[in-house]
PDB file of N, CA and C in Angstrom:
ATOM      1  N   UNK A   1       0.836  -1.166   0.000  1.00  0.00           N
ATOM      2  CA  UNK A   1       0.000   0.000   0.000  1.00  0.00           C
ATOM      3  C   UNK A   1       0.894   1.246   0.000  1.00  0.00           C
ATOM      4  N   UNK A   2       0.642   2.145  -0.894  1.00  0.00           N
ATOM      5  CA  UNK A   2       1.422   3.372  -1.025  1.00  0.00           C
ATOM      6  C   UNK A   2       0.958   4.397  -0.002  1.00  0.00           C
ATOM      7  N   UNK A   3       1.920   5.112   0.555  1.00  0.00           N
ATOM      8  CA  UNK A   3       1.615   6.116   1.558  1.00  0.00           C
ATOM      9  C   UNK A   3       2.174   7.456   1.091  1.00  0.00           C
ATOM     10  N   UNK A   4       1.431   8.512   1.248  1.00  0.00           N
ATOM     11  CA  UNK A   4       1.875   9.842   0.881  1.00  0.00           C
ATOM     12  C   UNK A   4       2.267  10.595   2.133  1.00  0.00           C
ATOM     13  N   UNK A   5       3.425  11.248   2.066  1.00  0.00           N
ATOM     14  CA  UNK A   5       3.910  12.045   3.180  1.00  0.00           C
ATOM     15  C   UNK A   5       4.082  13.480   2.718  1.00  0.00           C
ATOM     16  N   UNK A   6       3.580  14.400   3.488  1.00  0.00           N
ATOM     17  CA  UNK A   6       3.762  15.814   3.182  1.00  0.00           C
ATOM     18  C   UNK A   6       4.945  16.328   3.980  1.00  0.00           C
ATOM     19  N   UNK A   7       5.848  17.036   3.289  1.00  0.00           N
ATOM     20  CA  UNK A   7       7.038  17.566   3.942  1.00  0.00           C
ATOM     21  C   UNK A   7       7.154  19.056   3.620  1.00  0.00           C
ATOM     22  N   UNK A   8       7.713  19.783   4.549  1.00  0.00           N
ATOM     23  CA  UNK A   8       7.948  21.204   4.340  1.00  0.00           C
ATOM     24  C   UNK A   8       9.453  21.423   4.252  1.00  0.00           C
ATOM     25  N   UNK A   9       9.873  22.138   3.212  1.00  0.00           N
ATOM     26  CA  UNK A   9      11.289  22.439   3.022  1.00  0.00           C
ATOM     27  C   UNK A   9      11.422  23.942   2.869  1.00  0.00           C
ATOM     28  N   UNK A  10      12.368  24.518   3.579  1.00  0.00           N
ATOM     29  CA  UNK A  10      12.584  25.960   3.475  1.00  0.00           C
ATOM     30  C   UNK A  10      13.866  26.206   2.701  1.00  0.00           C
ATOM     31  N   UNK A  11      13.760  27.013   1.679  1.00  0.00           N
ATOM     32  CA  UNK A  11      14.908  27.394   0.868  1.00  0.00           C
ATOM     33  C   UNK A  11      14.969  28.909   0.803  1.00  0.00           C
ATOM     34  N   UNK A  12      16.166  29.412   0.725  1.00  0.00           N
ATOM     35  CA  UNK A  12      16.310  30.849   0.566  1.00  0.00           C
ATOM     36  C   UNK A  12      17.462  31.147  -0.377  1.00  0.00           C
ATOM     37  N   UNK A  13      17.525  32.370  -0.805  1.00  0.00           N
ATOM     38  CA  UNK A  13      18.638  32.830  -1.614  1.00  0.00           C
ATOM     39  C   UNK A  13      18.828  32.053  -2.888  1.00  0.00           C
ATOM     40  N   UNK A  14      20.073  31.666  -3.118  1.00  0.00           N
ATOM     41  CA  UNK A  14      20.456  31.009  -4.371  1.00  0.00           C
ATOM     42  C   UNK A  14      19.709  29.698  -4.587  1.00  0.00           C
ATOM     43  N   UNK A  15      19.457  28.937  -3.522  1.00  0.00           N
ATOM     44  CA  UNK A  15      18.744  27.664  -3.682  1.00  0.00           C
ATOM     45  C   UNK A  15      17.309  27.900  -4.135  1.00  0.00           C
ATOM     46  N   UNK A  16      16.664  28.863  -3.532  1.00  0.00           N
ATOM     47  CA  UNK A  16      15.287  29.183  -3.918  1.00  0.00           C
ATOM     48  C   UNK A  16      15.229  29.658  -5.367  1.00  0.00           C
ATOM     49  N   UNK A  17      16.163  30.495  -5.751  1.00  0.00           N
ATOM     50  CA  UNK A  17      16.209  30.986  -7.126  1.00  0.00           C
ATOM     51  C   UNK A  17      16.475  29.850  -8.115  1.00  0.00           C
ATOM     52  N   UNK A  18      17.334  28.919  -7.722  1.00  0.00           N
ATOM     53  CA  UNK A  18      17.648  27.781  -8.586  1.00  0.00           C
ATOM     54  C   UNK A  18      16.413  26.921  -8.808  1.00  0.00           C
ATOM     55  N   UNK A  19      15.684  26.645  -7.738  1.00  0.00           N
ATOM     56  CA  UNK A  19      14.460  25.850  -7.857  1.00  0.00           C
ATOM     57  C   UNK A  19      13.444  26.589  -8.727  1.00  0.00           C
ATOM     58  N   UNK A  20      13.293  27.877  -8.493  1.00  0.00           N
ATOM     59  CA  UNK A  20      12.332  28.664  -9.268  1.00  0.00           C
ATOM     60  C   UNK A  20      12.674  28.637 -10.754  1.00  0.00           C
ATOM     61  N   UNK A  21      13.952  28.653 -11.082  1.00  0.00           N
ATOM     62  CA  UNK A  21      14.361  28.613 -12.487  1.00  0.00           C
ATOM     63  C   UNK A  21      14.037  27.269 -13.127  1.00  0.00           C
ATOM     64  N   UNK A  22      14.039  26.209 -12.338  1.00  0.00           N
ATOM     65  CA  UNK A  22      13.746  24.876 -12.859  1.00  0.00           C
ATOM     66  C   UNK A  22      12.262  24.548 -12.839  1.00  0.00           C
ATOM     67  N   UNK A  23      11.491  25.336 -12.113  1.00  0.00           N
ATOM     68  CA  UNK A  23      10.046  25.124 -12.010  1.00  0.00           C
ATOM     69  C   UNK A  23       9.367  26.378 -12.554  1.00  0.00           C
ATOM     70  N   UNK A  24       9.116  26.353 -13.833  1.00  0.00           N
ATOM     71  CA  UNK A  24       8.466  27.492 -14.472  1.00  0.00           C
ATOM     72  C   UNK A  24       8.043  27.094 -15.870  1.00  0.00           C
ATOM     73  N   UNK A  25       7.483  28.008 -16.595  1.00  0.00           N
ATOM     74  CA  UNK A  25       7.071  27.714 -17.967  1.00  0.00           C
ATOM     75  C   UNK A  25       8.264  27.350 -18.833  1.00  0.00           C
ATOM     76  N   UNK A  26       9.415  27.944 -18.537  1.00  0.00           N
ATOM     77  CA  UNK A  26      10.621  27.642 -19.321  1.00  0.00           C
ATOM     78  C   UNK A  26      11.494  26.585 -18.655  1.00  0.00           C
ATOM     79  N   UNK A  27      11.165  26.207 -17.421  1.00  0.00           N
ATOM     80  CA  UNK A  27      11.945  25.203 -16.694  1.00  0.00           C
ATOM     81  C   UNK A  27      11.568  23.791 -17.087  1.00  0.00           C
ATOM     82  N   UNK A  28      12.242  22.853 -16.478  1.00  0.00           N
ATOM     83  CA  UNK A  28      12.042  21.433 -16.799  1.00  0.00           C
ATOM     84  C   UNK A  28      10.870  20.807 -16.051  1.00  0.00           C
ATOM     85  N   UNK A  29      10.384  21.462 -15.002  1.00  0.00           N
ATOM     86  CA  UNK A  29       9.353  20.874 -14.151  1.00  0.00           C
ATOM     87  C   UNK A  29       8.155  21.802 -14.046  1.00  0.00           C
ATOM     88  N   UNK A  30       6.969  21.214 -13.877  1.00  0.00           N
ATOM     89  CA  UNK A  30       5.746  22.002 -13.764  1.00  0.00           C
ATOM     90  C   UNK A  30       5.527  22.537 -12.355  1.00  0.00           C
ATOM     91  N   UNK A  31       6.040  21.792 -11.350  1.00  0.00           N
ATOM     92  CA  UNK A  31       5.872  22.260  -9.977  1.00  0.00           C
ATOM     93  C   UNK A  31       7.016  21.747  -9.105  1.00  0.00           C
ATOM     94  N   UNK A  32       7.108  22.300  -7.912  1.00  0.00           N
ATOM     95  CA  UNK A  32       8.201  21.969  -7.003  1.00  0.00           C
ATOM     96  C   UNK A  32       8.141  20.503  -6.579  1.00  0.00           C
ATOM     97  N   UNK A  33       6.957  19.976  -6.341  1.00  0.00           N
ATOM     98  CA  UNK A  33       6.823  18.578  -5.923  1.00  0.00           C
ATOM     99  C   UNK A  33       7.391  17.630  -6.972  1.00  0.00           C
ATOM    100  N   UNK A  34       7.083  17.906  -8.231  1.00  0.00           N
ATOM    101  CA  UNK A  34       7.608  17.078  -9.323  1.00  0.00           C
ATOM    102  C   UNK A  34       9.134  17.125  -9.342  1.00  0.00           C
ATOM    103  N   UNK A  35       9.679  18.316  -9.149  1.00  0.00           N
ATOM    104  CA  UNK A  35      11.134  18.504  -9.135  1.00  0.00           C
ATOM    105  C   UNK A  35      11.772  17.726  -7.986  1.00  0.00           C
ATOM    106  N   UNK A  36      11.215  17.860  -6.795  1.00  0.00           N
ATOM    107  CA  UNK A  36      11.772  17.180  -5.625  1.00  0.00           C
ATOM    108  C   UNK A  36      11.674  15.665  -5.781  1.00  0.00           C
ATOM    109  N   UNK A  37      10.547  15.166  -6.272  1.00  0.00           N
ATOM    110  CA  UNK A  37      10.410  13.715  -6.490  1.00  0.00           C
ATOM    111  C   UNK A  37      11.464  13.212  -7.467  1.00  0.00           C
ATOM    112  N   UNK A  38      11.718  13.975  -8.533  1.00  0.00           N
ATOM    113  CA  UNK A  38      12.733  13.575  -9.502  1.00  0.00           C
ATOM    114  C   UNK A  38      14.120  13.567  -8.871  1.00  0.00           C
ATOM    115  N   UNK A  39      14.428  14.572  -8.056  1.00  0.00           N
ATOM    116  CA  UNK A  39      15.725  14.607  -7.378  1.00  0.00           C
ATOM    117  C   UNK A  39      15.898  13.403  -6.455  1.00  0.00           C
ATOM    118  N   UNK A  40      14.850  13.058  -5.736  1.00  0.00           N
ATOM    119  CA  UNK A  40      14.915  11.915  -4.819  1.00  0.00           C
ATOM    120  C   UNK A  40      15.091  10.618  -5.603  1.00  0.00           C
ATOM    121  N   UNK A  41      14.352  10.462  -6.699  1.00  0.00           N
ATOM    122  CA  UNK A  41      14.504   9.258  -7.534  1.00  0.00           C
ATOM    123  C   UNK A  41      15.930   9.143  -8.062  1.00  0.00           C
ATOM    124  N   UNK A  42      16.471  10.262  -8.542  1.00  0.00           N
ATOM    125  CA  UNK A  42      17.844  10.241  -9.067  1.00  0.00           C
ATOM    126  C   UNK A  42      18.849   9.883  -7.986  1.00  0.00           C
ATOM    127  N   UNK A  43      18.655  10.431  -6.791  1.00  0.00           N
ATOM    128  CA  UNK A  43      19.571  10.119  -5.688  1.00  0.00           C
ATOM    129  C   UNK A  43      19.461   8.653  -5.309  1.00  0.00           C
ATOM    130  N   UNK A  44      18.241   8.124  -5.287  1.00  0.00           N
ATOM    131  CA  UNK A  44      18.032   6.699  -4.981  1.00  0.00           C
ATOM    132  C   UNK A  44      18.732   5.836  -6.019  1.00  0.00           C
ATOM    133  N   UNK A  45      18.592   6.186  -7.292  1.00  0.00           N
ATOM    134  CA  UNK A  45      19.267   5.437  -8.361  1.00  0.00           C
ATOM    135  C   UNK A  45      20.783   5.515  -8.210  1.00  0.00           C
ATOM    136  N   UNK A  46      21.306   6.705  -7.826  1.00  0.00           N
ATOM    137  CA  UNK A  46      22.749   6.868  -7.631  1.00  0.00           C
ATOM    138  C   UNK A  46      23.254   5.956  -6.512  1.00  0.00           C
ATOM    139  N   UNK A  47      22.528   5.926  -5.406  1.00  0.00           N
ATOM    140  CA  UNK A  47      22.913   5.084  -4.271  1.00  0.00           C
ATOM    141  C   UNK A  47      22.893   3.608  -4.677  1.00  0.00           C
ATOM    142  N   UNK A  48      21.859   3.192  -5.404  1.00  0.00           N
ATOM    143  CA  UNK A  48      21.766   1.798  -5.858  1.00  0.00           C
ATOM    144  C   UNK A  48      22.889   1.475  -6.840  1.00  0.00           C
ATOM    145  N   UNK A  49      23.227   2.406  -7.732  1.00  0.00           N
ATOM    146  CA  UNK A  49      24.304   2.189  -8.695  1.00  0.00           C
ATOM    147  C   UNK A  49      25.647   2.082  -7.984  1.00  0.00           C
ATOM    148  N   UNK A  50      25.873   2.907  -6.970  1.00  0.00           N
ATOM    149  CA  UNK A  50      27.122   2.826  -6.204  1.00  0.00           C
ATOM    150  C   UNK A  50      27.243   1.476  -5.500  1.00  0.00           C
ATOM    151  N   UNK A  51      26.150   0.992  -4.931  1.00  0.00           N
ATOM    152  CA  UNK A  51      26.162  -0.315  -4.268  1.00  0.00           C
ATOM    153  C   UNK A  51      26.455  -1.415  -5.278  1.00  0.00           C
ATOM    154  N   UNK A  52      25.866  -1.314  -6.471  1.00  0.00           N
ATOM    155  CA  UNK A  52      26.100  -2.295  -7.518  1.00  0.00           C
ATOM    156  C   UNK A  52      27.563  -2.270  -7.965  1.00  0.00           C
ATOM    157  N   UNK A  53      28.134  -1.070  -8.099  1.00  0.00           N
ATOM    158  CA  UNK A  53      29.538  -0.941  -8.508  1.00  0.00           C
ATOM    159  C   UNK A  53      30.467  -1.525  -7.446  1.00  0.00           C
ATOM    160  N   UNK A  54      30.145  -1.320  -6.172  1.00  0.00           N
ATOM    161  CA  UNK A  54      30.960  -1.924  -5.096  1.00  0.00           C
ATOM    162  C   UNK A  54      30.896  -3.446  -5.173  1.00  0.00           C
ATOM    163  N   UNK A  55      29.699  -3.985  -5.418  1.00  0.00           N
ATOM    164  CA  UNK A  55      29.542  -5.430  -5.538  1.00  0.00           C
ATOM    165  C   UNK A  55      30.337  -5.960  -6.727  1.00  0.00           C
ATOM    166  N   UNK A  56      30.254  -5.264  -7.870  1.00  0.00           N
ATOM    167  CA  UNK A  56      31.009  -5.688  -9.057  1.00  0.00           C
ATOM    168  C   UNK A  56      32.508  -5.689  -8.771  1.00  0.00           C
ATOM    169  N   UNK A  57      33.004  -4.664  -8.084  1.00  0.00           N
ATOM    170  CA  UNK A  57      34.427  -4.581  -7.762  1.00  0.00           C
ATOM    171  C   UNK A  57      34.843  -5.722  -6.834  1.00  0.00           C
ATOM    172  N   UNK A  58      33.985  -6.012  -5.862  1.00  0.00           N
ATOM    173  CA  UNK A  58      34.271  -7.109  -4.929  1.00  0.00           C
ATOM    174  C   UNK A  58      34.310  -8.445  -5.671  1.00  0.00           C
ATOM    175  N   UNK A  59      33.367  -8.655  -6.576  1.00  0.00           N
ATOM    176  CA  UNK A  59      33.350  -9.893  -7.351  1.00  0.00           C
ATOM    177  C   UNK A  59      34.557  -9.985  -8.281  1.00  0.00           C
ATOM    178  N   UNK A  60      34.938  -8.869  -8.880  1.00  0.00           N
ATOM    179  CA  UNK A  60      36.108  -8.860  -9.757  1.00  0.00           C
ATOM    180  C   UNK A  60      37.364  -9.244  -8.981  1.00  0.00           C
ATOM    181  N   UNK A  61      37.515  -8.697  -7.763  1.00  0.00           N
ATOM    182  CA  UNK A  61      38.675  -9.072  -6.922  1.00  0.00           C
ATOM    183  C   UNK A  61      38.636 -10.559  -6.579  1.00  0.00           C
ATOM    184  N   UNK A  62      37.442 -11.056  -6.267  1.00  0.00           N
ATOM    185  CA  UNK A  62      37.322 -12.475  -5.891  1.00  0.00           C
ATOM    186  C   UNK A  62      37.679 -13.374  -7.064  1.00  0.00           C
ATOM    187  N   UNK A  63      37.207 -13.037  -8.264  1.00  0.00           N
ATOM    188  CA  UNK A  63      37.497 -13.876  -9.427  1.00  0.00           C
ATOM    189  C   UNK A  63      38.946 -13.746  -9.872  1.00  0.00           C
ATOM    190  N   UNK A  64      39.610 -12.648  -9.525  1.00  0.00           N
ATOM    191  CA  UNK A  64      41.007 -12.452  -9.904  1.00  0.00           C
ATOM    192  C   UNK A  64      41.962 -13.122  -8.922  1.00  0.00           C
ATOM    193  N   UNK A  65      41.465 -13.517  -7.758  1.00  0.00           N
ATOM    194  CA  UNK A  65      42.322 -14.141  -6.741  1.00  0.00           C
ATOM    195  C   UNK A  65      42.785 -15.516  -7.216  1.00  0.00           C
ATOM    196  N   UNK A  66      43.992 -15.896  -6.830  1.00  0.00           N
ATOM    197  CA  UNK A  66      44.477 -17.230  -7.210  1.00  0.00           C
ATOM    198  C   UNK A  66      43.573 -18.321  -6.628  1.00  0.00           C
ATOM    199  N   UNK A  67      43.416 -19.387  -7.382  1.00  0.00           N
ATOM    200  CA  UNK A  67      42.533 -20.469  -6.954  1.00  0.00           C
ATOM    201  C   UNK A  67      42.963 -21.061  -5.617  1.00  0.00           C
ATOM    202  N   UNK A  68      44.259 -21.039  -5.344  1.00  0.00           N
ATOM    203  CA  UNK A  68      44.764 -21.597  -4.079  1.00  0.00           C
ATOM    204  C   UNK A  68      44.261 -20.812  -2.870  1.00  0.00           C
ATOM    205  N   UNK A  69      43.849 -19.578  -3.072  1.00  0.00           N
ATOM    206  CA  UNK A  69      43.382 -18.769  -1.944  1.00  0.00           C
ATOM    207  C   UNK A  69      41.919 -19.035  -1.597  1.00  0.00           C
ATOM    208  N   UNK A  70      41.221 -19.789  -2.434  1.00  0.00           N
ATOM    209  CA  UNK A  70      39.816 -20.097  -2.159  1.00  0.00           C
ATOM    210  C   UNK A  70      39.710 -21.089  -1.016  1.00  0.00           C
ATOM    211  N   UNK A  71      38.674 -20.947  -0.227  1.00  0.00           N
ATOM    212  CA  UNK A  71      38.407 -21.923   0.833  1.00  0.00           C
ATOM    213  C   UNK A  71      36.928 -22.289   0.798  1.00  0.00           C
ATOM    214  N   UNK A  72      36.658 -23.520   1.074  1.00  0.00           N
ATOM    215  CA  UNK A  72      35.280 -23.998   1.053  1.00  0.00           C
ATOM    216  C   UNK A  72      34.526 -23.420   2.250  1.00  0.00           C
ATOM    217  N   UNK A  73      33.336 -22.924   1.988  1.00  0.00           N
ATOM    218  CA  UNK A  73      32.488 -22.384   3.046  1.00  0.00           C
ATOM    219  C   UNK A  73      31.083 -22.947   2.900  1.00  0.00           C
ATOM    220  N   UNK A  74      30.472 -23.200   4.021  1.00  0.00           N
ATOM    221  CA  UNK A  74      29.074 -23.615   4.004  1.00  0.00           C
ATOM    222  C   UNK A  74      28.216 -22.349   4.097  1.00  0.00           C
ATOM    223  N   UNK A  75      26.943 -22.499   3.856  1.00  0.00           N
ATOM    224  CA  UNK A  75      26.033 -21.362   3.997  1.00  0.00           C
ATOM    225  C   UNK A  75      26.069 -20.834   5.423  1.00  0.00           C
ATOM    226  N   UNK A  76      26.167 -21.725   6.378  1.00  0.00           N
ATOM    227  CA  UNK A  76      26.243 -21.310   7.801  1.00  0.00           C
ATOM    228  C   UNK A  76      27.491 -20.479   8.057  1.00  0.00           C
ATOM    229  N   UNK A  77      28.620 -20.854   7.420  1.00  0.00           N
ATOM    230  CA  UNK A  77      29.872 -20.085   7.566  1.00  0.00           C
ATOM    231  C   UNK A  77      29.681 -18.661   7.049  1.00  0.00           C
ATOM    232  N   UNK A  78      29.051 -18.538   5.893  1.00  0.00           N
ATOM    233  CA  UNK A  78      28.851 -17.228   5.282  1.00  0.00           C
ATOM    234  C   UNK A  78      27.916 -16.385   6.150  1.00  0.00           C
ATOM    235  N   UNK A  79      26.854 -16.971   6.644  1.00  0.00           N
ATOM    236  CA  UNK A  79      25.904 -16.255   7.496  1.00  0.00           C
ATOM    237  C   UNK A  79      26.603 -15.782   8.759  1.00  0.00           C
ATOM    238  N   UNK A  80      27.380 -16.658   9.385  1.00  0.00           N
ATOM    239  CA  UNK A  80      28.095 -16.296  10.610  1.00  0.00           C
ATOM    240  C   UNK A  80      29.108 -15.189  10.347  1.00  0.00           C
ATOM    241  N   UNK A  81      29.812 -15.253   9.213  1.00  0.00           N
ATOM    242  CA  UNK A  81      30.803 -14.228   8.870  1.00  0.00           C
ATOM    243  C   UNK A  81      30.122 -12.879   8.649  1.00  0.00           C
ATOM    244  N   UNK A  82      28.968 -12.895   8.018  1.00  0.00           N
ATOM    245  CA  UNK A  82      28.275 -11.636   7.741  1.00  0.00           C
ATOM    246  C   UNK A  82      27.591 -11.038   8.960  1.00  0.00           C
ATOM    247  N   UNK A  83      27.356 -11.827   9.988  1.00  0.00           N
ATOM    248  CA  UNK A  83      26.783 -11.293  11.216  1.00  0.00           C
ATOM    249  C   UNK A  83      27.844 -10.620  12.078  1.00  0.00           C
ATOM    250  N   UNK A  84      29.074 -10.984  11.870  1.00  0.00           N
ATOM    251  CA  UNK A  84      30.176 -10.424  12.690  1.00  0.00           C
ATOM    252  C   UNK A  84      30.450  -8.994  12.380  1.00  0.00           C
TER     253      UNK A  84
END
């Protein structure tokens, strides 16, 4: 079930002017809410992409490691290691 939350944000000076320039007839957004939702979506995507890139880097290091460095682990071993 989707929930709507109303938030109040106060901006002044350059930030307020920047938002106003992006929310207008000539701007990219029709209203401030649309602009803020887009910013939040983009930030969420950035955070998810960074997590994915960290995972890819970790996997690349693991696959590049010499086979002799591998050790057999059970699922319980992995769970216990990740809880630590």
